């Protein structure tokens, strides 16, 4: 039996979002709705989770629309496929721009997202990546329209370094994908690990689209490595783990980045190859059955993956911000003002709105005030703030706001025959 442990970092959620897109092909055209673009790899090497994330997005949009939409206009979600390729992802992003999206959610690729950023920015469209954290921990700057809900790569890298130190491992090899996120995560991990007096024997950069890593594996094994940090996509990670397992005569102690906390990795590695692996990932704070059960009712028994929580949260937060635009700016969208609205909405002080209270939250923004304390806070410019599914922290940050907490909680994941046994997630 494999046993992989993931440390869930209670870092704050980071984002500042933008104007939305809608509901489905049956919704009104873009002149009568508010449109948000959803850009995911529905096909290609990274496609395993995208359908589940899209369902979370549509579920959130449906709840927004049932609550009256954005100032009476339905929220319309328009989806496009990156095909897990940069050039096709760029074409899909342009299609979403032409379709009237003011914000694009996705694309969940640390390589594709940075490449899309300049084009989206030039067209006045913001980019929100629910699961791709910022490469660094810079200071808050709402003039930048690329926002995240996940902790930064630096925060996750430093947390993983602390976990490695806690296992009494004193020397590691780092293997990481050649993209900004994984380079930043690996760099932060290396710097902290070395600063504590420990050694990094080898650092190897890889192409996550390669068909084999036999050369990399042989190079590492020639150095006698036994503890390996792996920071790459699930596809590349599974290939790397399997080739180590095939070529090495000894067990490797794996330390895994957040992108590797996925069933796609577990389902594609040899049995026991990840035995005792340890990784870090953002915390899913809501442990109740309410959201999974509601999701399953909506989607014929389908269970939300962890990333689905972030996508649901993203759409809910966007809806509050877009309603603020409709209320205060007569629907005239401005990136900088919108970012400030979102930051205010998701930060204390204010009245708490939970994931299943979208209607009351929208009403408080839409009406600009009411009779109870929470609604008066809105009128006094003291915002509501969102208690979301994916973190116990209620602060809202964009790519420029530092992580506010380094608290960690251990979550043990057990695997049988290479597959995640959900009932054993602790």
Foldseek 3Di string as FASTA:
>chain_A
DAWEWAKAFQWFFAWQAFWAAAADPPFDACVQAIHEEEEEACAADQNPAVVLLVLLLNVLQVLCVVLQFQLNGRHHYHYDHCVPDQVSSLVRVVVSLVSPHQEYEDYPALANVVVNQVVCVVSNHAYEYAFQAALDAAAFDLVRRYFYGFAALLLFLCLLLVVCVVVVDQEEEEEEEPGSRRVSNPVNNQVNSVVVPGYYPYYHYDHLPDPACLVVLVVVVVVVGAEYEYYYALSSLQRVLQSNVVPDPDQHAYEYEQNNPDQSNLQRHFPNSNHHHYYYHHAQPDPDCVVQVVSCVVPVHDGRDLSSQSSSVVSLLNRLLQSLCCQPVVNDTDSSVSSVSSQQQQDDDAAEDESSRSSVLSCLSNVQADDDPRSVCSVVVRHHHYCGRGHNDRGYHTSNHGTDGRDIDMWMWDHDRSGTDVVRTD
